[in-house]
Amino acid sequence: PSGDMEIVHFERQPSAGNHSIRRVFETVREALPKHLYPKV
Protein backbone atom coordinates (compact mmCIF):
# COMPACT_ATOMS: atom_id res chain seq x y z
CA PRO A 1 0.00 0.00 0.00
CA SER A 2 0.99 3.59 -0.66
CA GLY A 3 0.61 6.99 0.92
CA ASP A 4 1.27 8.48 4.32
CA MET A 5 0.15 6.77 7.49
CA GLU A 6 -0.64 8.00 10.99
CA ILE A 7 0.67 5.87 13.84
CA VAL A 8 -0.83 6.58 17.25
CA HIS A 9 1.27 5.80 20.32
CA PHE A 10 -0.78 5.18 23.45
CA GLU A 11 1.21 5.88 26.61
CA ARG A 12 0.39 6.21 30.29
CA GLN A 13 -0.45 9.67 31.52
CA PRO A 14 2.75 11.42 32.68
CA SER A 15 3.50 11.37 36.39
CA ALA A 16 6.50 11.90 38.62
CA GLY A 17 9.14 9.23 38.21
CA ASN A 18 7.57 7.53 35.19
CA HIS A 19 9.66 8.66 32.23
CA SER A 20 11.50 5.61 30.90
CA ILE A 21 8.94 4.34 28.37
CA ARG A 22 8.14 7.86 27.20
CA ARG A 23 11.83 8.54 26.54
CA VAL A 24 12.28 5.26 24.67
CA PHE A 25 9.44 5.99 22.27
CA GLU A 26 10.41 9.60 21.80
CA THR A 27 13.61 8.12 20.37
CA VAL A 28 11.62 5.73 18.17
CA ARG A 29 9.40 8.54 16.86
CA GLU A 30 12.47 10.52 15.86
CA ALA A 31 13.61 7.57 13.72
CA LEU A 32 10.32 6.87 11.90
CA PRO A 33 10.32 7.34 8.12
CA LYS A 34 8.87 10.64 6.89
CA HIS A 35 5.71 9.04 5.52
CA LEU A 36 4.78 7.79 9.00
CA TYR A 37 3.20 10.45 11.20
CA PRO A 38 3.25 9.67 14.93
CA LYS A 39 0.70 11.01 17.38
CA VAL A 40 0.88 10.50 21.15
ModelCIF file with pLDDT and N, C-alpha, C, O atoms, coordinates in Angstrom:
data_MODEL
#
_entry.id   MODEL 
#
_entity.id                         1 
_entity.type                       polymer 
_entity.pdbx_number_of_molecules   1 
#
_entity_poly.entity_id                      1 
_entity_poly.type                           'polypeptide(L)' 
_entity_poly.nstd_linkage                   no 
_entity_poly.nstd_monomer                   no 
_entity_poly.pdbx_seq_one_letter_code       PSGDMEIVHFERQPSAGNHSIRRVFETVREALPKHLYPKV 
_entity_poly.pdbx_seq_one_letter_code_can   PSGDMEIVHFERQPSAGNHSIRRVFETVREALPKHLYPKV 
_entity_poly.pdbx_strand_id                 A 
#
loop_
_entity_poly_seq.entity_id 
_entity_poly_seq.num 
_entity_poly_seq.mon_id 
_entity_poly_seq.hetero 
1 1  PRO n 
1 2  SER n 
1 3  GLY n 
1 4  ASP n 
1 5  MET n 
1 6  GLU n 
1 7  ILE n 
1 8  VAL n 
1 9  HIS n 
1 10 PHE n 
1 11 GLU n 
1 12 ARG n 
1 13 GLN n 
1 14 PRO n 
1 15 SER n 
1 16 ALA n 
1 17 GLY n 
1 18 ASN n 
1 19 HIS n 
1 20 SER n 
1 21 ILE n 
1 22 ARG n 
1 23 ARG n 
1 24 VAL n 
1 25 PHE n 
1 26 GLU n 
1 27 THR n 
1 28 VAL n 
1 29 ARG n 
1 30 GLU n 
1 31 ALA n 
1 32 LEU n 
1 33 PRO n 
1 34 LYS n 
1 35 HIS n 
1 36 LEU n 
1 37 TYR n 
1 38 PRO n 
1 39 LYS n 
1 40 VAL n 
#
_struct_asym.id          A 
_struct_asym.entity_id   1 
#
loop_
_ma_qa_metric.id 
_ma_qa_metric.mode 
_ma_qa_metric.name 
_ma_qa_metric.software_group_id 
_ma_qa_metric.type 
1 global pLDDT . pLDDT 
2 local  pLDDT . pLDDT 
#
_ma_qa_metric_global.metric_id      1 
_ma_qa_metric_global.metric_value   78.28 
_ma_qa_metric_global.model_id       1 
_ma_qa_metric_global.ordinal_id     1 
#
loop_
_ma_qa_metric_local.label_asym_id 
_ma_qa_metric_local.label_comp_id 
_ma_qa_metric_local.label_seq_id 
_ma_qa_metric_local.metric_id 
_ma_qa_metric_local.metric_value 
_ma_qa_metric_local.model_id 
_ma_qa_metric_local.ordinal_id 
A PRO 1  2 44.00 1 1  
A SER 2  2 48.00 1 2  
A GLY 3  2 60.00 1 3  
A ASP 4  2 80.00 1 4  
A MET 5  2 82.00 1 5  
A GLU 6  2 87.00 1 6  
A ILE 7  2 89.00 1 7  
A VAL 8  2 93.00 1 8  
A HIS 9  2 94.00 1 9  
A PHE 10 2 96.00 1 10 
A GLU 11 2 93.00 1 11 
A ARG 12 2 89.00 1 12 
A GLN 13 2 85.00 1 13 
A PRO 14 2 77.00 1 14 
A SER 15 2 69.00 1 15 
A ALA 16 2 63.00 1 16 
A GLY 17 2 59.00 1 17 
A ASN 18 2 60.00 1 18 
A HIS 19 2 59.00 1 19 
A SER 20 2 70.00 1 20 
A ILE 21 2 75.00 1 21 
A ARG 22 2 74.00 1 22 
A ARG 23 2 79.00 1 23 
A VAL 24 2 80.00 1 24 
A PHE 25 2 81.00 1 25 
A GLU 26 2 83.00 1 26 
A THR 27 2 80.00 1 27 
A VAL 28 2 82.00 1 28 
A ARG 29 2 83.00 1 29 
A GLU 30 2 81.00 1 30 
A ALA 31 2 77.00 1 31 
A LEU 32 2 79.00 1 32 
A PRO 33 2 80.00 1 33 
A LYS 34 2 81.00 1 34 
A HIS 35 2 81.00 1 35 
A LEU 36 2 81.00 1 36 
A TYR 37 2 84.00 1 37 
A PRO 38 2 88.00 1 38 
A LYS 39 2 92.00 1 39 
A VAL 40 2 93.00 1 40 
#
loop_
_atom_site.group_PDB 
_atom_site.id 
_atom_site.type_symbol 
_atom_site.label_atom_id 
_atom_site.label_alt_id 
_atom_site.label_comp_id 
_atom_site.label_asym_id 
_atom_site.label_entity_id 
_atom_site.label_seq_id 
_atom_site.pdbx_PDB_ins_code 
_atom_site.Cartn_x 
_atom_site.Cartn_y 
_atom_site.Cartn_z 
_atom_site.occupancy 
_atom_site.B_iso_or_equiv 
_atom_site.pdbx_formal_charge 
_atom_site.auth_seq_id 
_atom_site.auth_comp_id 
_atom_site.auth_asym_id 
_atom_site.auth_atom_id 
_atom_site.pdbx_PDB_model_num 
ATOM 1   N N  . PRO A 1 1  ? 0.791  -1.210 0.000  1.00 44.00 ? 1  PRO A N  1 
ATOM 2   C CA . PRO A 1 1  ? 0.000  0.000  0.000  1.00 44.00 ? 1  PRO A CA 1 
ATOM 3   C C  . PRO A 1 1  ? 0.839  1.284  0.000  1.00 44.00 ? 1  PRO A C  1 
ATOM 4   O O  . PRO A 1 1  ? 1.989  1.292  0.440  1.00 44.00 ? 1  PRO A O  1 
ATOM 5   N N  . SER A 1 2  ? 0.242  2.356  -0.500 1.00 48.00 ? 2  SER A N  1 
ATOM 6   C CA . SER A 1 2  ? 0.990  3.595  -0.657 1.00 48.00 ? 2  SER A CA 1 
ATOM 7   C C  . SER A 1 2  ? 0.397  4.706  0.194  1.00 48.00 ? 2  SER A C  1 
ATOM 8   O O  . SER A 1 2  ? -0.667 4.560  0.795  1.00 48.00 ? 2  SER A O  1 
ATOM 9   N N  . GLY A 1 3  ? 1.113  5.812  0.225  1.00 60.00 ? 3  GLY A N  1 
ATOM 10  C CA . GLY A 1 3  ? 0.605  6.986  0.919  1.00 60.00 ? 3  GLY A CA 1 
ATOM 11  C C  . GLY A 1 3  ? 1.132  7.100  2.333  1.00 60.00 ? 3  GLY A C  1 
ATOM 12  O O  . GLY A 1 3  ? 1.781  6.190  2.847  1.00 60.00 ? 3  GLY A O  1 
ATOM 13  N N  . ASP A 1 4  ? 0.842  8.235  2.954  1.00 80.00 ? 4  ASP A N  1 
ATOM 14  C CA . ASP A 1 4  ? 1.265  8.484  4.320  1.00 80.00 ? 4  ASP A CA 1 
ATOM 15  C C  . ASP A 1 4  ? 0.367  7.724  5.293  1.00 80.00 ? 4  ASP A C  1 
ATOM 16  O O  . ASP A 1 4  ? -0.761 7.350  4.970  1.00 80.00 ? 4  ASP A O  1 
ATOM 17  N N  . MET A 1 5  ? 0.897  7.512  6.483  1.00 82.00 ? 5  MET A N  1 
ATOM 18  C CA . MET A 1 5  ? 0.150  6.768  7.492  1.00 82.00 ? 5  MET A CA 1 
ATOM 19  C C  . MET A 1 5  ? 0.357  7.399  8.868  1.00 82.00 ? 5  MET A C  1 
ATOM 20  O O  . MET A 1 5  ? 1.472  7.770  9.235  1.00 82.00 ? 5  MET A O  1 
ATOM 21  N N  . GLU A 1 6  ? -0.726 7.512  9.614  1.00 87.00 ? 6  GLU A N  1 
ATOM 22  C CA . GLU A 1 6  ? -0.643 8.003  10.987 1.00 87.00 ? 6  GLU A CA 1 
ATOM 23  C C  . GLU A 1 6  ? -0.514 6.816  11.936 1.00 87.00 ? 6  GLU A C  1 
ATOM 24  O O  . GLU A 1 6  ? -1.306 5.875  11.884 1.00 87.00 ? 6  GLU A O  1 
ATOM 25  N N  . ILE A 1 7  ? 0.487  6.874  12.795 1.00 89.00 ? 7  ILE A N  1 
ATOM 26  C CA . ILE A 1 7  ? 0.666  5.873  13.839 1.00 89.00 ? 7  ILE A CA 1 
ATOM 27  C C  . ILE A 1 7  ? 0.427  6.546  15.186 1.00 89.00 ? 7  ILE A C  1 
ATOM 28  O O  . ILE A 1 7  ? 1.083  7.532  15.522 1.00 89.00 ? 7  ILE A O  1 
ATOM 29  N N  . VAL A 1 8  ? -0.511 6.008  15.947 1.00 93.00 ? 8  VAL A N  1 
ATOM 30  C CA . VAL A 1 8  ? -0.833 6.584  17.252 1.00 93.00 ? 8  VAL A CA 1 
ATOM 31  C C  . VAL A 1 8  ? -0.160 5.760  18.338 1.00 93.00 ? 8  VAL A C  1 
ATOM 32  O O  . VAL A 1 8  ? -0.351 4.547  18.424 1.00 93.00 ? 8  VAL A O  1 
ATOM 33  N N  . HIS A 1 9  ? 0.627  6.432  19.162 1.00 94.00 ? 9  HIS A N  1 
ATOM 34  C CA . HIS A 1 9  ? 1.266  5.795  20.316 1.00 94.00 ? 9  HIS A CA 1 
ATOM 35  C C  . HIS A 1 9  ? 0.446  6.081  21.565 1.00 94.00 ? 9  HIS A C  1 
ATOM 36  O O  . HIS A 1 9  ? 0.248  7.239  21.932 1.00 94.00 ? 9  HIS A O  1 
ATOM 37  N N  . PHE A 1 10 ? -0.025 5.040  22.207 1.00 96.00 ? 10 PHE A N  1 
ATOM 38  C CA . PHE A 1 10 ? -0.780 5.177  23.449 1.00 96.00 ? 10 PHE A CA 1 
ATOM 39  C C  . PHE A 1 10 ? 0.163  4.929  24.625 1.00 96.00 ? 10 PHE A C  1 
ATOM 40  O O  . PHE A 1 10 ? 0.731  3.846  24.768 1.00 96.00 ? 10 PHE A O  1 
ATOM 41  N N  . GLU A 1 11 ? 0.317  5.953  25.460 1.00 93.00 ? 11 GLU A N  1 
ATOM 42  C CA . GLU A 1 11 ? 1.211  5.881  26.612 1.00 93.00 ? 11 GLU A CA 1 
ATOM 43  C C  . GLU A 1 11 ? 0.432  6.194  27.887 1.00 93.00 ? 11 GLU A C  1 
ATOM 44  O O  . GLU A 1 11 ? -0.667 6.746  27.834 1.00 93.00 ? 11 GLU A O  1 
ATOM 45  N N  . ARG A 1 12 ? 1.009  5.839  29.025 1.00 89.00 ? 12 ARG A N  1 
ATOM 46  C CA . ARG A 1 12 ? 0.385  6.213  30.293 1.00 89.00 ? 12 ARG A CA 1 
ATOM 47  C C  . ARG A 1 12 ? 0.504  7.709  30.491 1.00 89.00 ? 12 ARG A C  1 
ATOM 48  O O  . ARG A 1 12 ? 1.436  8.348  30.003 1.00 89.00 ? 12 ARG A O  1 
ATOM 49  N N  . GLN A 1 13 ? -0.450 8.251  31.210 1.00 85.00 ? 13 GLN A N  1 
ATOM 50  C CA . GLN A 1 13 ? -0.450 9.675  31.523 1.00 85.00 ? 13 GLN A CA 1 
ATOM 51  C C  . GLN A 1 13 ? 0.795  10.017 32.322 1.00 85.00 ? 13 GLN A C  1 
ATOM 52  O O  . GLN A 1 13 ? 1.122  9.301  33.268 1.00 85.00 ? 13 GLN A O  1 
ATOM 53  N N  . PRO A 1 14 ? 1.500  11.088 31.975 1.00 77.00 ? 14 PRO A N  1 
ATOM 54  C CA . PRO A 1 14 ? 2.748  11.418 32.679 1.00 77.00 ? 14 PRO A CA 1 
ATOM 55  C C  . PRO A 1 14 ? 2.536  11.614 34.178 1.00 77.00 ? 14 PRO A C  1 
ATOM 56  O O  . PRO A 1 14 ? 1.526  12.169 34.613 1.00 77.00 ? 14 PRO A O  1 
ATOM 57  N N  . SER A 1 15 ? 3.497  11.153 34.945 1.00 69.00 ? 15 SER A N  1 
ATOM 58  C CA . SER A 1 15 ? 3.495  11.367 36.391 1.00 69.00 ? 15 SER A CA 1 
ATOM 59  C C  . SER A 1 15 ? 4.932  11.319 36.881 1.00 69.00 ? 15 SER A C  1 
ATOM 60  O O  . SER A 1 15 ? 5.823  10.843 36.178 1.00 69.00 ? 15 SER A O  1 
ATOM 61  N N  . ALA A 1 16 ? 5.145  11.807 38.072 1.00 63.00 ? 16 ALA A N  1 
ATOM 62  C CA . ALA A 1 16 ? 6.496  11.902 38.620 1.00 63.00 ? 16 ALA A CA 1 
ATOM 63  C C  . ALA A 1 16 ? 7.159  10.530 38.679 1.00 63.00 ? 16 ALA A C  1 
ATOM 64  O O  . ALA A 1 16 ? 6.590  9.572  39.201 1.00 63.00 ? 16 ALA A O  1 
ATOM 65  N N  . GLY A 1 17 ? 8.360  10.455 38.140 1.00 59.00 ? 17 GLY A N  1 
ATOM 66  C CA . GLY A 1 17 ? 9.145  9.227  38.215 1.00 59.00 ? 17 GLY A CA 1 
ATOM 67  C C  . GLY A 1 17 ? 8.894  8.225  37.112 1.00 59.00 ? 17 GLY A C  1 
ATOM 68  O O  . GLY A 1 17 ? 9.609  7.227  37.012 1.00 59.00 ? 17 GLY A O  1 
ATOM 69  N N  . ASN A 1 18 ? 7.880  8.470  36.268 1.00 60.00 ? 18 ASN A N  1 
ATOM 70  C CA . ASN A 1 18 ? 7.571  7.534  35.187 1.00 60.00 ? 18 ASN A CA 1 
ATOM 71  C C  . ASN A 1 18 ? 7.932  8.156  33.843 1.00 60.00 ? 18 ASN A C  1 
ATOM 72  O O  . ASN A 1 18 ? 7.084  8.746  33.173 1.00 60.00 ? 18 ASN A O  1 
ATOM 73  N N  . HIS A 1 19 ? 9.193  8.019  33.457 1.00 59.00 ? 19 HIS A N  1 
ATOM 74  C CA . HIS A 1 19 ? 9.657  8.660  32.228 1.00 59.00 ? 19 HIS A CA 1 
ATOM 75  C C  . HIS A 1 19 ? 10.318 7.688  31.258 1.00 59.00 ? 19 HIS A C  1 
ATOM 76  O O  . HIS A 1 19 ? 10.517 8.033  30.093 1.00 59.00 ? 19 HIS A O  1 
ATOM 77  N N  . SER A 1 20 ? 10.661 6.487  31.705 1.00 70.00 ? 20 SER A N  1 
ATOM 78  C CA . SER A 1 20 ? 11.502 5.606  30.897 1.00 70.00 ? 20 SER A CA 1 
ATOM 79  C C  . SER A 1 20 ? 10.854 5.221  29.574 1.00 70.00 ? 20 SER A C  1 
ATOM 80  O O  . SER A 1 20 ? 11.487 5.334  28.524 1.00 70.00 ? 20 SER A O  1 
ATOM 81  N N  . ILE A 1 21 ? 9.606  4.768  29.605 1.00 75.00 ? 21 ILE A N  1 
ATOM 82  C CA . ILE A 1 21 ? 8.940  4.339  28.367 1.00 75.00 ? 21 ILE A CA 1 
ATOM 83  C C  . ILE A 1 21 ? 8.726  5.525  27.448 1.00 75.00 ? 21 ILE A C  1 
ATOM 84  O O  . ILE A 1 21 ? 8.909  5.412  26.236 1.00 75.00 ? 21 ILE A O  1 
ATOM 85  N N  . ARG A 1 22 ? 8.341  6.657  28.008 1.00 74.00 ? 22 ARG A N  1 
ATOM 86  C CA . ARG A 1 22 ? 8.139  7.857  27.195 1.00 74.00 ? 22 ARG A CA 1 
ATOM 87  C C  . ARG A 1 22 ? 9.418  8.235  26.474 1.00 74.00 ? 22 ARG A C  1 
ATOM 88  O O  . ARG A 1 22 ? 9.374  8.578  25.292 1.00 74.00 ? 22 ARG A O  1 
ATOM 89  N N  . ARG A 1 23 ? 10.552 8.181  27.149 1.00 79.00 ? 23 ARG A N  1 
ATOM 90  C CA . ARG A 1 23 ? 11.830 8.542  26.542 1.00 79.00 ? 23 ARG A CA 1 
ATOM 91  C C  . ARG A 1 23 ? 12.225 7.555  25.452 1.00 79.00 ? 23 ARG A C  1 
ATOM 92  O O  . ARG A 1 23 ? 12.761 7.949  24.416 1.00 79.00 ? 23 ARG A O  1 
ATOM 93  N N  . VAL A 1 24 ? 11.959 6.269  25.686 1.00 80.00 ? 24 VAL A N  1 
ATOM 94  C CA . VAL A 1 24 ? 12.275 5.260  24.672 1.00 80.00 ? 24 VAL A CA 1 
ATOM 95  C C  . VAL A 1 24 ? 11.520 5.550  23.384 1.00 80.00 ? 24 VAL A C  1 
ATOM 96  O O  . VAL A 1 24 ? 12.105 5.519  22.301 1.00 80.00 ? 24 VAL A O  1 
ATOM 97  N N  . PHE A 1 25 ? 10.239 5.828  23.492 1.00 81.00 ? 25 PHE A N  1 
ATOM 98  C CA . PHE A 1 25 ? 9.445  5.985  22.269 1.00 81.00 ? 25 PHE A CA 1 
ATOM 99  C C  . PHE A 1 25 ? 9.538  7.384  21.676 1.00 81.00 ? 25 PHE A C  1 
ATOM 100 O O  . PHE A 1 25 ? 9.161  7.586  20.522 1.00 81.00 ? 25 PHE A O  1 
ATOM 101 N N  . GLU A 1 26 ? 10.024 8.337  22.426 1.00 83.00 ? 26 GLU A N  1 
ATOM 102 C CA . GLU A 1 26 ? 10.414 9.605  21.804 1.00 83.00 ? 26 GLU A CA 1 
ATOM 103 C C  . GLU A 1 26 ? 11.556 9.347  20.828 1.00 83.00 ? 26 GLU A C  1 
ATOM 104 O O  . GLU A 1 26 ? 11.590 9.912  19.735 1.00 83.00 ? 26 GLU A O  1 
ATOM 105 N N  . THR A 1 27 ? 12.490 8.489  21.232 1.00 80.00 ? 27 THR A N  1 
ATOM 106 C CA . THR A 1 27 ? 13.611 8.119  20.370 1.00 80.00 ? 27 THR A CA 1 
ATOM 107 C C  . THR A 1 27 ? 13.117 7.386  19.125 1.00 80.00 ? 27 THR A C  1 
ATOM 108 O O  . THR A 1 27 ? 13.588 7.647  18.018 1.00 80.00 ? 27 THR A O  1 
ATOM 109 N N  . VAL A 1 28 ? 12.172 6.472  19.306 1.00 82.00 ? 28 VAL A N  1 
ATOM 110 C CA . VAL A 1 28 ? 11.623 5.726  18.174 1.00 82.00 ? 28 VAL A CA 1 
ATOM 111 C C  . VAL A 1 28 ? 10.915 6.672  17.203 1.00 82.00 ? 28 VAL A C  1 
ATOM 112 O O  . VAL A 1 28 ? 11.075 6.549  15.989 1.00 82.00 ? 28 VAL A O  1 
ATOM 113 N N  . ARG A 1 29 ? 10.138 7.612  17.732 1.00 83.00 ? 29 ARG A N  1 
ATOM 114 C CA . ARG A 1 29 ? 9.399  8.535  16.860 1.00 83.00 ? 29 ARG A CA 1 
ATOM 115 C C  . ARG A 1 29 ? 10.339 9.400  16.028 1.00 83.00 ? 29 ARG A C  1 
ATOM 116 O O  . ARG A 1 29 ? 10.028 9.754  14.891 1.00 83.00 ? 29 ARG A O  1 
ATOM 117 N N  . GLU A 1 30 ? 11.485 9.734  16.603 1.00 81.00 ? 30 GLU A N  1 
ATOM 118 C CA . GLU A 1 30 ? 12.472 10.516 15.857 1.00 81.00 ? 30 GLU A CA 1 
ATOM 119 C C  . GLU A 1 30 ? 13.009 9.735  14.659 1.00 81.00 ? 30 GLU A C  1 
ATOM 120 O O  . GLU A 1 30 ? 13.419 10.328 13.661 1.00 81.00 ? 30 GLU A O  1 
ATOM 121 N N  . ALA A 1 31 ? 13.007 8.407  14.758 1.00 77.00 ? 31 ALA A N  1 
ATOM 122 C CA . ALA A 1 31 ? 13.607 7.568  13.722 1.00 77.00 ? 31 ALA A CA 1 
ATOM 123 C C  . ALA A 1 31 ? 12.603 7.068  12.687 1.00 77.00 ? 31 ALA A C  1 
ATOM 124 O O  . ALA A 1 31 ? 13.001 6.409  11.726 1.00 77.00 ? 31 ALA A O  1 
ATOM 125 N N  . LEU A 1 32 ? 11.321 7.362  12.854 1.00 79.00 ? 32 LEU A N  1 
ATOM 126 C CA . LEU A 1 32 ? 10.324 6.874  11.904 1.00 79.00 ? 32 LEU A CA 1 
ATOM 127 C C  . LEU A 1 32 ? 10.519 7.508  10.527 1.00 79.00 ? 32 LEU A C  1 
ATOM 128 O O  . LEU A 1 32 ? 10.915 8.670  10.441 1.00 79.00 ? 32 LEU A O  1 
ATOM 129 N N  . PRO A 1 33 ? 10.251 6.773  9.460  1.00 80.00 ? 33 PRO A N  1 
ATOM 130 C CA . PRO A 1 33 ? 10.317 7.343  8.116  1.00 80.00 ? 33 PRO A CA 1 
ATOM 131 C C  . PRO A 1 33 ? 9.361  8.531  7.982  1.00 80.00 ? 33 PRO A C  1 
ATOM 132 O O  . PRO A 1 33 ? 8.397  8.651  8.738  1.00 80.00 ? 33 PRO A O  1 
ATOM 133 N N  . LYS A 1 34 ? 9.636  9.397  7.021  1.00 81.00 ? 34 LYS A N  1 
ATOM 134 C CA . LYS A 1 34 ? 8.871  10.636 6.888  1.00 81.00 ? 34 LYS A CA 1 
ATOM 135 C C  . LYS A 1 34 ? 7.405  10.400 6.553  1.00 81.00 ? 34 LYS A C  1 
ATOM 136 O O  . LYS A 1 34 ? 6.553  11.224 6.885  1.00 81.00 ? 34 LYS A O  1 
ATOM 137 N N  . HIS A 1 35 ? 7.102  9.278  5.895  1.00 81.00 ? 35 HIS A N  1 
ATOM 138 C CA . HIS A 1 35 ? 5.715  9.037  5.518  1.00 81.00 ? 35 HIS A CA 1 
ATOM 139 C C  . HIS A 1 35 ? 4.894  8.437  6.654  1.00 81.00 ? 35 HIS A C  1 
ATOM 140 O O  . HIS A 1 35 ? 3.709  8.154  6.475  1.00 81.00 ? 35 HIS A O  1 
ATOM 141 N N  . LEU A 1 36 ? 5.509  8.239  7.825  1.00 81.00 ? 36 LEU A N  1 
ATOM 142 C CA . LEU A 1 36 ? 4.784  7.791  9.004  1.00 81.00 ? 36 LEU A CA 1 
ATOM 143 C C  . LEU A 1 36 ? 4.668  8.951  9.978  1.00 81.00 ? 36 LEU A C  1 
ATOM 144 O O  . LEU A 1 36 ? 5.675  9.525  10.391 1.00 81.00 ? 36 LEU A O  1 
ATOM 145 N N  . TYR A 1 37 ? 3.439  9.295  10.344 1.00 84.00 ? 37 TYR A N  1 
ATOM 146 C CA . TYR A 1 37 ? 3.201  10.451 11.199 1.00 84.00 ? 37 TYR A CA 1 
ATOM 147 C C  . TYR A 1 37 ? 2.757  9.990  12.583 1.00 84.00 ? 37 TYR A C  1 
ATOM 148 O O  . TYR A 1 37 ? 1.632  9.516  12.741 1.00 84.00 ? 37 TYR A O  1 
ATOM 149 N N  . PRO A 1 38 ? 3.626  10.122 13.588 1.00 88.00 ? 38 PRO A N  1 
ATOM 150 C CA . PRO A 1 38 ? 3.249  9.666  14.929 1.00 88.00 ? 38 PRO A CA 1 
ATOM 151 C C  . PRO A 1 38 ? 2.416  10.695 15.689 1.00 88.00 ? 38 PRO A C  1 
ATOM 152 O O  . PRO A 1 38 ? 2.622  11.903 15.570 1.00 88.00 ? 38 PRO A O  1 
ATOM 153 N N  . LYS A 1 39 ? 1.484  10.189 16.461 1.00 92.00 ? 39 LYS A N  1 
ATOM 154 C CA . LYS A 1 39 ? 0.698  11.015 17.378 1.00 92.00 ? 39 LYS A CA 1 
ATOM 155 C C  . LYS A 1 39 ? 0.711  10.322 18.727 1.00 92.00 ? 39 LYS A C  1 
ATOM 156 O O  . LYS A 1 39 ? 0.615  9.096  18.788 1.00 92.00 ? 39 LYS A O  1 
ATOM 157 N N  . VAL A 1 40 ? 0.828  11.080 19.814 1.00 93.00 ? 40 VAL A N  1 
ATOM 158 C CA . VAL A 1 40 ? 0.879  10.495 21.152 1.00 93.00 ? 40 VAL A CA 1 
ATOM 159 C C  . VAL A 1 40 ? -0.427 10.778 21.882 1.00 93.00 ? 40 VAL A C  1 
ATOM 160 O O  . VAL A 1 40 ? -0.593 10.370 23.031 1.00 93.00 ? 40 VAL A O  1 
#
